[in-house]
mmCIF file of all heavy atoms, coordinates in Angstrom:
data_MODEL
# 
_entry.id   MODEL 
# 
loop_
_atom_site.group_PDB 
_atom_site.id 
_atom_site.type_symbol 
_atom_site.label_atom_id 
_atom_site.label_alt_id 
_atom_site.label_comp_id 
_atom_site.label_asym_id 
_atom_site.label_entity_id 
_atom_site.label_seq_id 
_atom_site.pdbx_PDB_ins_code 
_atom_site.Cartn_x 
_atom_site.Cartn_y 
_atom_site.Cartn_z 
_atom_site.occupancy 
_atom_site.B_iso_or_equiv 
_atom_site.pdbx_formal_charge 
_atom_site.auth_seq_id 
_atom_site.auth_comp_id 
_atom_site.auth_asym_id 
_atom_site.auth_atom_id 
_atom_site.pdbx_PDB_model_num 
ATOM 1   N N   . ALA A 1 1  ? 17.741 -34.389 -1.176  1.00 0.00 ? 1  ALA A N   1 
ATOM 2   C CA  . ALA A 1 1  ? 16.888 -35.288 -1.952  1.00 0.00 ? 1  ALA A CA  1 
ATOM 3   C C   . ALA A 1 1  ? 15.447 -34.805 -1.957  1.00 0.00 ? 1  ALA A C   1 
ATOM 4   O O   . ALA A 1 1  ? 14.702 -35.103 -2.904  1.00 0.00 ? 1  ALA A O   1 
ATOM 5   C CB  . ALA A 1 1  ? 17.054 -36.692 -1.544  1.00 0.00 ? 1  ALA A CB  1 
ATOM 6   N N   . ARG A 1 2  ? 15.022 -34.174 -0.921  1.00 0.00 ? 2  ARG A N   1 
ATOM 7   C CA  . ARG A 1 2  ? 13.580 -33.705 -0.804  1.00 0.00 ? 2  ARG A CA  1 
ATOM 8   C C   . ARG A 1 2  ? 13.320 -32.349 -1.467  1.00 0.00 ? 2  ARG A C   1 
ATOM 9   O O   . ARG A 1 2  ? 12.173 -31.967 -1.537  1.00 0.00 ? 2  ARG A O   1 
ATOM 10  C CB  . ARG A 1 2  ? 13.196 -33.667 0.642   1.00 0.00 ? 2  ARG A CB  1 
ATOM 11  C CG  . ARG A 1 2  ? 13.160 -34.948 1.367   1.00 0.00 ? 2  ARG A CG  1 
ATOM 12  C CD  . ARG A 1 2  ? 12.003 -35.733 1.142   1.00 0.00 ? 2  ARG A CD  1 
ATOM 13  N NE  . ARG A 1 2  ? 10.852 -34.924 1.619   1.00 0.00 ? 2  ARG A NE  1 
ATOM 14  C CZ  . ARG A 1 2  ? 9.577  -35.262 1.482   1.00 0.00 ? 2  ARG A CZ  1 
ATOM 15  N NH1 . ARG A 1 2  ? 9.282  -36.405 0.943   1.00 0.00 ? 2  ARG A NH1 1 
ATOM 16  N NH2 . ARG A 1 2  ? 8.604  -34.451 1.835   1.00 0.00 ? 2  ARG A NH2 1 
ATOM 17  N N   . GLU A 1 3  ? 14.341 -31.663 -1.894  1.00 0.00 ? 3  GLU A N   1 
ATOM 18  C CA  . GLU A 1 3  ? 14.118 -30.360 -2.552  1.00 0.00 ? 3  GLU A CA  1 
ATOM 19  C C   . GLU A 1 3  ? 13.257 -30.574 -3.816  1.00 0.00 ? 3  GLU A C   1 
ATOM 20  O O   . GLU A 1 3  ? 13.462 -31.526 -4.563  1.00 0.00 ? 3  GLU A O   1 
ATOM 21  C CB  . GLU A 1 3  ? 15.428 -29.684 -2.894  1.00 0.00 ? 3  GLU A CB  1 
ATOM 22  C CG  . GLU A 1 3  ? 16.252 -29.300 -1.654  1.00 0.00 ? 3  GLU A CG  1 
ATOM 23  C CD  . GLU A 1 3  ? 17.577 -28.762 -1.971  1.00 0.00 ? 3  GLU A CD  1 
ATOM 24  O OE1 . GLU A 1 3  ? 17.981 -28.769 -3.136  1.00 0.00 ? 3  GLU A OE1 1 
ATOM 25  O OE2 . GLU A 1 3  ? 18.234 -28.235 -0.994  1.00 0.00 ? 3  GLU A OE2 1 
ATOM 26  N N   . ALA A 1 4  ? 12.401 -29.588 -4.007  1.00 0.00 ? 4  ALA A N   1 
ATOM 27  C CA  . ALA A 1 4  ? 11.468 -29.680 -5.246  1.00 0.00 ? 4  ALA A CA  1 
ATOM 28  C C   . ALA A 1 4  ? 12.259 -29.838 -6.549  1.00 0.00 ? 4  ALA A C   1 
ATOM 29  O O   . ALA A 1 4  ? 11.812 -30.509 -7.446  1.00 0.00 ? 4  ALA A O   1 
ATOM 30  C CB  . ALA A 1 4  ? 10.516 -28.458 -5.225  1.00 0.00 ? 4  ALA A CB  1 
ATOM 31  N N   . ALA A 1 5  ? 13.346 -29.055 -6.676  1.00 0.00 ? 5  ALA A N   1 
ATOM 32  C CA  . ALA A 1 5  ? 14.075 -28.995 -7.894  1.00 0.00 ? 5  ALA A CA  1 
ATOM 33  C C   . ALA A 1 5  ? 15.250 -30.079 -7.950  1.00 0.00 ? 5  ALA A C   1 
ATOM 34  O O   . ALA A 1 5  ? 16.192 -29.842 -8.684  1.00 0.00 ? 5  ALA A O   1 
ATOM 35  C CB  . ALA A 1 5  ? 14.581 -27.638 -8.199  1.00 0.00 ? 5  ALA A CB  1 
ATOM 36  N N   . PHE A 1 6  ? 15.186 -31.134 -7.098  1.00 0.00 ? 6  PHE A N   1 
ATOM 37  C CA  . PHE A 1 6  ? 16.351 -32.012 -7.034  1.00 0.00 ? 6  PHE A CA  1 
ATOM 38  C C   . PHE A 1 6  ? 16.653 -32.630 -8.373  1.00 0.00 ? 6  PHE A C   1 
ATOM 39  O O   . PHE A 1 6  ? 15.731 -33.129 -9.058  1.00 0.00 ? 6  PHE A O   1 
ATOM 40  C CB  . PHE A 1 6  ? 15.976 -33.139 -6.009  1.00 0.00 ? 6  PHE A CB  1 
ATOM 41  C CG  . PHE A 1 6  ? 17.089 -34.232 -6.027  1.00 0.00 ? 6  PHE A CG  1 
ATOM 42  C CD1 . PHE A 1 6  ? 18.237 -33.975 -5.297  1.00 0.00 ? 6  PHE A CD1 1 
ATOM 43  C CD2 . PHE A 1 6  ? 16.864 -35.375 -6.640  1.00 0.00 ? 6  PHE A CD2 1 
ATOM 44  C CE1 . PHE A 1 6  ? 19.228 -34.965 -5.238  1.00 0.00 ? 6  PHE A CE1 1 
ATOM 45  C CE2 . PHE A 1 6  ? 17.927 -36.385 -6.634  1.00 0.00 ? 6  PHE A CE2 1 
ATOM 46  C CZ  . PHE A 1 6  ? 19.054 -36.139 -5.938  1.00 0.00 ? 6  PHE A CZ  1 
ATOM 47  N N   . ASP A 1 7  ? 17.902 -32.563 -8.748  1.00 0.00 ? 7  ASP A N   1 
ATOM 48  C CA  . ASP A 1 7  ? 18.434 -33.216 -9.924  1.00 0.00 ? 7  ASP A CA  1 
ATOM 49  C C   . ASP A 1 7  ? 19.781 -33.801 -9.489  1.00 0.00 ? 7  ASP A C   1 
ATOM 50  O O   . ASP A 1 7  ? 20.636 -33.061 -9.119  1.00 0.00 ? 7  ASP A O   1 
ATOM 51  C CB  . ASP A 1 7  ? 18.526 -32.224 -11.064 1.00 0.00 ? 7  ASP A CB  1 
ATOM 52  C CG  . ASP A 1 7  ? 19.022 -32.827 -12.312 1.00 0.00 ? 7  ASP A CG  1 
ATOM 53  O OD1 . ASP A 1 7  ? 20.093 -33.508 -12.308 1.00 0.00 ? 7  ASP A OD1 1 
ATOM 54  O OD2 . ASP A 1 7  ? 18.338 -32.683 -13.431 1.00 0.00 ? 7  ASP A OD2 1 
ATOM 55  N N   . ALA A 1 8  ? 19.939 -35.113 -9.693  1.00 0.00 ? 8  ALA A N   1 
ATOM 56  C CA  . ALA A 1 8  ? 21.161 -35.822 -9.190  1.00 0.00 ? 8  ALA A CA  1 
ATOM 57  C C   . ALA A 1 8  ? 22.371 -35.290 -9.884  1.00 0.00 ? 8  ALA A C   1 
ATOM 58  O O   . ALA A 1 8  ? 23.452 -35.081 -9.285  1.00 0.00 ? 8  ALA A O   1 
ATOM 59  C CB  . ALA A 1 8  ? 21.000 -37.341 -9.446  1.00 0.00 ? 8  ALA A CB  1 
ATOM 60  N N   . THR A 1 9  ? 22.275 -34.970 -11.178 1.00 0.00 ? 9  THR A N   1 
ATOM 61  C CA  . THR A 1 9  ? 23.480 -34.452 -11.883 1.00 0.00 ? 9  THR A CA  1 
ATOM 62  C C   . THR A 1 9  ? 23.879 -33.078 -11.364 1.00 0.00 ? 9  THR A C   1 
ATOM 63  O O   . THR A 1 9  ? 25.057 -32.866 -11.129 1.00 0.00 ? 9  THR A O   1 
ATOM 64  C CB  . THR A 1 9  ? 23.181 -34.346 -13.429 1.00 0.00 ? 9  THR A CB  1 
ATOM 65  O OG1 . THR A 1 9  ? 22.746 -35.591 -13.883 1.00 0.00 ? 9  THR A OG1 1 
ATOM 66  C CG2 . THR A 1 9  ? 24.367 -33.836 -14.158 1.00 0.00 ? 9  THR A CG2 1 
ATOM 67  N N   . VAL A 1 10 ? 22.977 -32.241 -11.111 1.00 0.00 ? 10 VAL A N   1 
ATOM 68  C CA  . VAL A 1 10 ? 23.258 -30.872 -10.602 1.00 0.00 ? 10 VAL A CA  1 
ATOM 69  C C   . VAL A 1 10 ? 23.851 -31.017 -9.186  1.00 0.00 ? 10 VAL A C   1 
ATOM 70  O O   . VAL A 1 10 ? 24.839 -30.343 -8.872  1.00 0.00 ? 10 VAL A O   1 
ATOM 71  C CB  . VAL A 1 10 ? 21.966 -29.996 -10.580 1.00 0.00 ? 10 VAL A CB  1 
ATOM 72  C CG1 . VAL A 1 10 ? 22.219 -28.676 -9.818  1.00 0.00 ? 10 VAL A CG1 1 
ATOM 73  C CG2 . VAL A 1 10 ? 21.506 -29.760 -11.997 1.00 0.00 ? 10 VAL A CG2 1 
ATOM 74  N N   . GLU A 1 11 ? 23.289 -31.854 -8.369  1.00 0.00 ? 11 GLU A N   1 
ATOM 75  C CA  . GLU A 1 11 ? 23.738 -31.947 -7.020  1.00 0.00 ? 11 GLU A CA  1 
ATOM 76  C C   . GLU A 1 11 ? 25.131 -32.616 -6.941  1.00 0.00 ? 11 GLU A C   1 
ATOM 77  O O   . GLU A 1 11 ? 25.978 -32.321 -6.128  1.00 0.00 ? 11 GLU A O   1 
ATOM 78  C CB  . GLU A 1 11 ? 22.753 -32.796 -6.190  1.00 0.00 ? 11 GLU A CB  1 
ATOM 79  C CG  . GLU A 1 11 ? 21.394 -32.118 -5.973  1.00 0.00 ? 11 GLU A CG  1 
ATOM 80  C CD  . GLU A 1 11 ? 21.472 -30.660 -5.542  1.00 0.00 ? 11 GLU A CD  1 
ATOM 81  O OE1 . GLU A 1 11 ? 22.449 -30.280 -4.839  1.00 0.00 ? 11 GLU A OE1 1 
ATOM 82  O OE2 . GLU A 1 11 ? 20.626 -29.852 -5.902  1.00 0.00 ? 11 GLU A OE2 1 
ATOM 83  N N   . PHE A 1 12 ? 25.425 -33.505 -7.931  1.00 0.00 ? 12 PHE A N   1 
ATOM 84  C CA  . PHE A 1 12 ? 26.736 -34.142 -8.004  1.00 0.00 ? 12 PHE A CA  1 
ATOM 85  C C   . PHE A 1 12 ? 27.788 -33.015 -8.329  1.00 0.00 ? 12 PHE A C   1 
ATOM 86  O O   . PHE A 1 12 ? 28.841 -32.928 -7.751  1.00 0.00 ? 12 PHE A O   1 
ATOM 87  C CB  . PHE A 1 12 ? 26.806 -35.217 -9.135  1.00 0.00 ? 12 PHE A CB  1 
ATOM 88  C CG  . PHE A 1 12 ? 28.164 -35.824 -9.282  1.00 0.00 ? 12 PHE A CG  1 
ATOM 89  C CD1 . PHE A 1 12 ? 28.593 -36.758 -8.392  1.00 0.00 ? 12 PHE A CD1 1 
ATOM 90  C CD2 . PHE A 1 12 ? 28.925 -35.456 -10.452 1.00 0.00 ? 12 PHE A CD2 1 
ATOM 91  C CE1 . PHE A 1 12 ? 29.901 -37.320 -8.648  1.00 0.00 ? 12 PHE A CE1 1 
ATOM 92  C CE2 . PHE A 1 12 ? 30.098 -36.023 -10.643 1.00 0.00 ? 12 PHE A CE2 1 
ATOM 93  C CZ  . PHE A 1 12 ? 30.638 -36.956 -9.756  1.00 0.00 ? 12 PHE A CZ  1 
ATOM 94  N N   . MET A 1 13 ? 27.426 -32.141 -9.273  1.00 0.00 ? 13 MET A N   1 
ATOM 95  C CA  . MET A 1 13 ? 28.328 -31.065 -9.673  1.00 0.00 ? 13 MET A CA  1 
ATOM 96  C C   . MET A 1 13 ? 28.469 -30.062 -8.576  1.00 0.00 ? 13 MET A C   1 
ATOM 97  O O   . MET A 1 13 ? 29.569 -29.387 -8.382  1.00 0.00 ? 13 MET A O   1 
ATOM 98  C CB  . MET A 1 13 ? 27.855 -30.330 -10.930 1.00 0.00 ? 13 MET A CB  1 
ATOM 99  C CG  . MET A 1 13 ? 27.696 -31.273 -12.164 1.00 0.00 ? 13 MET A CG  1 
ATOM 100 S SD  . MET A 1 13 ? 29.265 -32.097 -12.453 1.00 0.00 ? 13 MET A SD  1 
ATOM 101 C CE  . MET A 1 13 ? 30.044 -30.974 -13.549 1.00 0.00 ? 13 MET A CE  1 
ATOM 102 N N   . ARG A 1 14 ? 27.490 -29.866 -7.697  1.00 0.00 ? 14 ARG A N   1 
ATOM 103 C CA  . ARG A 1 14 ? 27.575 -29.013 -6.549  1.00 0.00 ? 14 ARG A CA  1 
ATOM 104 C C   . ARG A 1 14 ? 28.328 -29.571 -5.389  1.00 0.00 ? 14 ARG A C   1 
ATOM 105 O O   . ARG A 1 14 ? 28.677 -28.898 -4.418  1.00 0.00 ? 14 ARG A O   1 
ATOM 106 C CB  . ARG A 1 14 ? 26.178 -28.572 -6.068  1.00 0.00 ? 14 ARG A CB  1 
ATOM 107 C CG  . ARG A 1 14 ? 25.469 -27.636 -6.958  1.00 0.00 ? 14 ARG A CG  1 
ATOM 108 C CD  . ARG A 1 14 ? 24.071 -27.366 -6.432  1.00 0.00 ? 14 ARG A CD  1 
ATOM 109 N NE  . ARG A 1 14 ? 23.417 -26.375 -7.256  1.00 0.00 ? 14 ARG A NE  1 
ATOM 110 C CZ  . ARG A 1 14 ? 22.122 -26.182 -7.210  1.00 0.00 ? 14 ARG A CZ  1 
ATOM 111 N NH1 . ARG A 1 14 ? 21.358 -26.771 -6.356  1.00 0.00 ? 14 ARG A NH1 1 
ATOM 112 N NH2 . ARG A 1 14 ? 21.534 -25.252 -8.006  1.00 0.00 ? 14 ARG A NH2 1 
ATOM 113 N N   . GLY A 1 15 ? 28.534 -30.864 -5.421  1.00 0.00 ? 15 GLY A N   1 
ATOM 114 C CA  . GLY A 1 15 ? 29.227 -31.566 -4.337  1.00 0.00 ? 15 GLY A CA  1 
ATOM 115 C C   . GLY A 1 15 ? 28.355 -32.036 -3.240  1.00 0.00 ? 15 GLY A C   1 
ATOM 116 O O   . GLY A 1 15 ? 28.850 -32.473 -2.261  1.00 0.00 ? 15 GLY A O   1 
ATOM 117 N N   . ARG A 1 16 ? 27.057 -31.931 -3.370  1.00 0.00 ? 16 ARG A N   1 
ATOM 118 C CA  . ARG A 1 16 ? 26.111 -32.311 -2.390  1.00 0.00 ? 16 ARG A CA  1 
ATOM 119 C C   . ARG A 1 16 ? 25.674 -33.787 -2.527  1.00 0.00 ? 16 ARG A C   1 
ATOM 120 O O   . ARG A 1 16 ? 25.145 -34.330 -1.641  1.00 0.00 ? 16 ARG A O   1 
ATOM 121 C CB  . ARG A 1 16 ? 24.879 -31.421 -2.333  1.00 0.00 ? 16 ARG A CB  1 
ATOM 122 C CG  . ARG A 1 16 ? 25.256 -29.956 -2.031  1.00 0.00 ? 16 ARG A CG  1 
ATOM 123 C CD  . ARG A 1 16 ? 24.193 -29.056 -1.672  1.00 0.00 ? 16 ARG A CD  1 
ATOM 124 N NE  . ARG A 1 16 ? 22.981 -29.106 -2.535  1.00 0.00 ? 16 ARG A NE  1 
ATOM 125 C CZ  . ARG A 1 16 ? 21.804 -28.454 -2.153  1.00 0.00 ? 16 ARG A CZ  1 
ATOM 126 N NH1 . ARG A 1 16 ? 21.734 -27.782 -1.048  1.00 0.00 ? 16 ARG A NH1 1 
ATOM 127 N NH2 . ARG A 1 16 ? 20.773 -28.546 -2.996  1.00 0.00 ? 16 ARG A NH2 1 
ATOM 128 N N   . LEU A 1 17 ? 25.924 -34.366 -3.634  1.00 0.00 ? 17 LEU A N   1 
ATOM 129 C CA  . LEU A 1 17 ? 25.658 -35.797 -3.916  1.00 0.00 ? 17 LEU A CA  1 
ATOM 130 C C   . LEU A 1 17 ? 27.059 -36.416 -4.115  1.00 0.00 ? 17 LEU A C   1 
ATOM 131 O O   . LEU A 1 17 ? 27.848 -35.919 -4.884  1.00 0.00 ? 17 LEU A O   1 
ATOM 132 C CB  . LEU A 1 17 ? 24.814 -35.928 -5.150  1.00 0.00 ? 17 LEU A CB  1 
ATOM 133 C CG  . LEU A 1 17 ? 24.461 -37.440 -5.556  1.00 0.00 ? 17 LEU A CG  1 
ATOM 134 C CD1 . LEU A 1 17 ? 23.040 -37.422 -6.155  1.00 0.00 ? 17 LEU A CD1 1 
ATOM 135 C CD2 . LEU A 1 17 ? 25.446 -37.952 -6.511  1.00 0.00 ? 17 LEU A CD2 1 
ATOM 136 N N   . LYS A 1 18 ? 27.268 -37.497 -3.386  1.00 0.00 ? 18 LYS A N   1 
ATOM 137 C CA  . LYS A 1 18 ? 28.605 -38.142 -3.534  1.00 0.00 ? 18 LYS A CA  1 
ATOM 138 C C   . LYS A 1 18 ? 28.338 -39.472 -4.172  1.00 0.00 ? 18 LYS A C   1 
ATOM 139 O O   . LYS A 1 18 ? 27.354 -40.164 -3.952  1.00 0.00 ? 18 LYS A O   1 
ATOM 140 C CB  . LYS A 1 18 ? 29.166 -38.439 -2.086  1.00 0.00 ? 18 LYS A CB  1 
ATOM 141 C CG  . LYS A 1 18 ? 29.351 -37.203 -1.234  1.00 0.00 ? 18 LYS A CG  1 
ATOM 142 C CD  . LYS A 1 18 ? 30.325 -36.246 -1.842  1.00 0.00 ? 18 LYS A CD  1 
ATOM 143 C CE  . LYS A 1 18 ? 30.507 -35.067 -0.859  1.00 0.00 ? 18 LYS A CE  1 
ATOM 144 N NZ  . LYS A 1 18 ? 31.260 -33.992 -1.406  1.00 0.00 ? 18 LYS A NZ  1 
ATOM 145 N N   . ALA A 1 19 ? 29.317 -39.885 -5.040  1.00 0.00 ? 19 ALA A N   1 
ATOM 146 C CA  . ALA A 1 19 ? 29.189 -41.167 -5.726  1.00 0.00 ? 19 ALA A CA  1 
ATOM 147 C C   . ALA A 1 19 ? 30.588 -41.842 -5.738  1.00 0.00 ? 19 ALA A C   1 
ATOM 148 O O   . ALA A 1 19 ? 31.614 -41.168 -5.969  1.00 0.00 ? 19 ALA A O   1 
ATOM 149 C CB  . ALA A 1 19 ? 28.737 -40.926 -7.131  1.00 0.00 ? 19 ALA A CB  1 
ATOM 150 N N   . ALA A 1 20 ? 30.611 -43.112 -5.429  1.00 0.00 ? 20 ALA A N   1 
ATOM 151 C CA  . ALA A 1 20 ? 31.847 -43.907 -5.506  1.00 0.00 ? 20 ALA A CA  1 
ATOM 152 C C   . ALA A 1 20 ? 31.677 -45.002 -6.577  1.00 0.00 ? 20 ALA A C   1 
ATOM 153 O O   . ALA A 1 20 ? 30.593 -45.625 -6.664  1.00 0.00 ? 20 ALA A O   1 
ATOM 154 C CB  . ALA A 1 20 ? 32.104 -44.515 -4.181  1.00 0.00 ? 20 ALA A CB  1 
ATOM 155 N N   . GLY A 1 21 ? 32.718 -45.232 -7.282  1.00 0.00 ? 21 GLY A N   1 
ATOM 156 C CA  . GLY A 1 21 ? 32.676 -46.156 -8.390  1.00 0.00 ? 21 GLY A CA  1 
ATOM 157 C C   . GLY A 1 21 ? 33.437 -45.687 -9.552  1.00 0.00 ? 21 GLY A C   1 
ATOM 158 O O   . GLY A 1 21 ? 34.071 -44.621 -9.535  1.00 0.00 ? 21 GLY A O   1 
ATOM 159 N N   . HIS A 1 22 ? 33.337 -46.377 -10.733 1.00 0.00 ? 22 HIS A N   1 
ATOM 160 C CA  . HIS A 1 22 ? 33.999 -46.054 -11.965 1.00 0.00 ? 22 HIS A CA  1 
ATOM 161 C C   . HIS A 1 22 ? 33.358 -44.726 -12.459 1.00 0.00 ? 22 HIS A C   1 
ATOM 162 O O   . HIS A 1 22 ? 32.039 -44.589 -12.594 1.00 0.00 ? 22 HIS A O   1 
ATOM 163 C CB  . HIS A 1 22 ? 33.843 -47.141 -13.004 1.00 0.00 ? 22 HIS A CB  1 
ATOM 164 C CG  . HIS A 1 22 ? 34.605 -46.889 -14.212 1.00 0.00 ? 22 HIS A CG  1 
ATOM 165 N ND1 . HIS A 1 22 ? 34.066 -46.108 -15.215 1.00 0.00 ? 22 HIS A ND1 1 
ATOM 166 C CD2 . HIS A 1 22 ? 35.820 -47.245 -14.558 1.00 0.00 ? 22 HIS A CD2 1 
ATOM 167 C CE1 . HIS A 1 22 ? 34.953 -46.085 -16.246 1.00 0.00 ? 22 HIS A CE1 1 
ATOM 168 N NE2 . HIS A 1 22 ? 36.019 -46.724 -15.846 1.00 0.00 ? 22 HIS A NE2 1 
ATOM 169 N N   . THR A 1 23 ? 34.166 -43.707 -12.724 1.00 0.00 ? 23 THR A N   1 
ATOM 170 C CA  . THR A 1 23 ? 33.651 -42.376 -13.120 1.00 0.00 ? 23 THR A CA  1 
ATOM 171 C C   . THR A 1 23 ? 32.830 -42.411 -14.385 1.00 0.00 ? 23 THR A C   1 
ATOM 172 O O   . THR A 1 23 ? 31.749 -41.771 -14.445 1.00 0.00 ? 23 THR A O   1 
ATOM 173 C CB  . THR A 1 23 ? 34.849 -41.400 -13.296 1.00 0.00 ? 23 THR A CB  1 
ATOM 174 O OG1 . THR A 1 23 ? 35.639 -41.403 -12.196 1.00 0.00 ? 23 THR A OG1 1 
ATOM 175 C CG2 . THR A 1 23 ? 34.355 -40.001 -13.603 1.00 0.00 ? 23 THR A CG2 1 
ATOM 176 N N   . GLY A 1 24 ? 33.194 -43.194 -15.375 1.00 0.00 ? 24 GLY A N   1 
ATOM 177 C CA  . GLY A 1 24 ? 32.402 -43.261 -16.559 1.00 0.00 ? 24 GLY A CA  1 
ATOM 178 C C   . GLY A 1 24 ? 31.000 -43.858 -16.304 1.00 0.00 ? 24 GLY A C   1 
ATOM 179 O O   . GLY A 1 24 ? 30.024 -43.303 -16.876 1.00 0.00 ? 24 GLY A O   1 
# 
């Protein structure tokens, strides 16, 4: 989260951001 180029969408696709809930 502290990386200068942090983007939640990119990190989700890389598997470094985890999300639980309805996919849509």
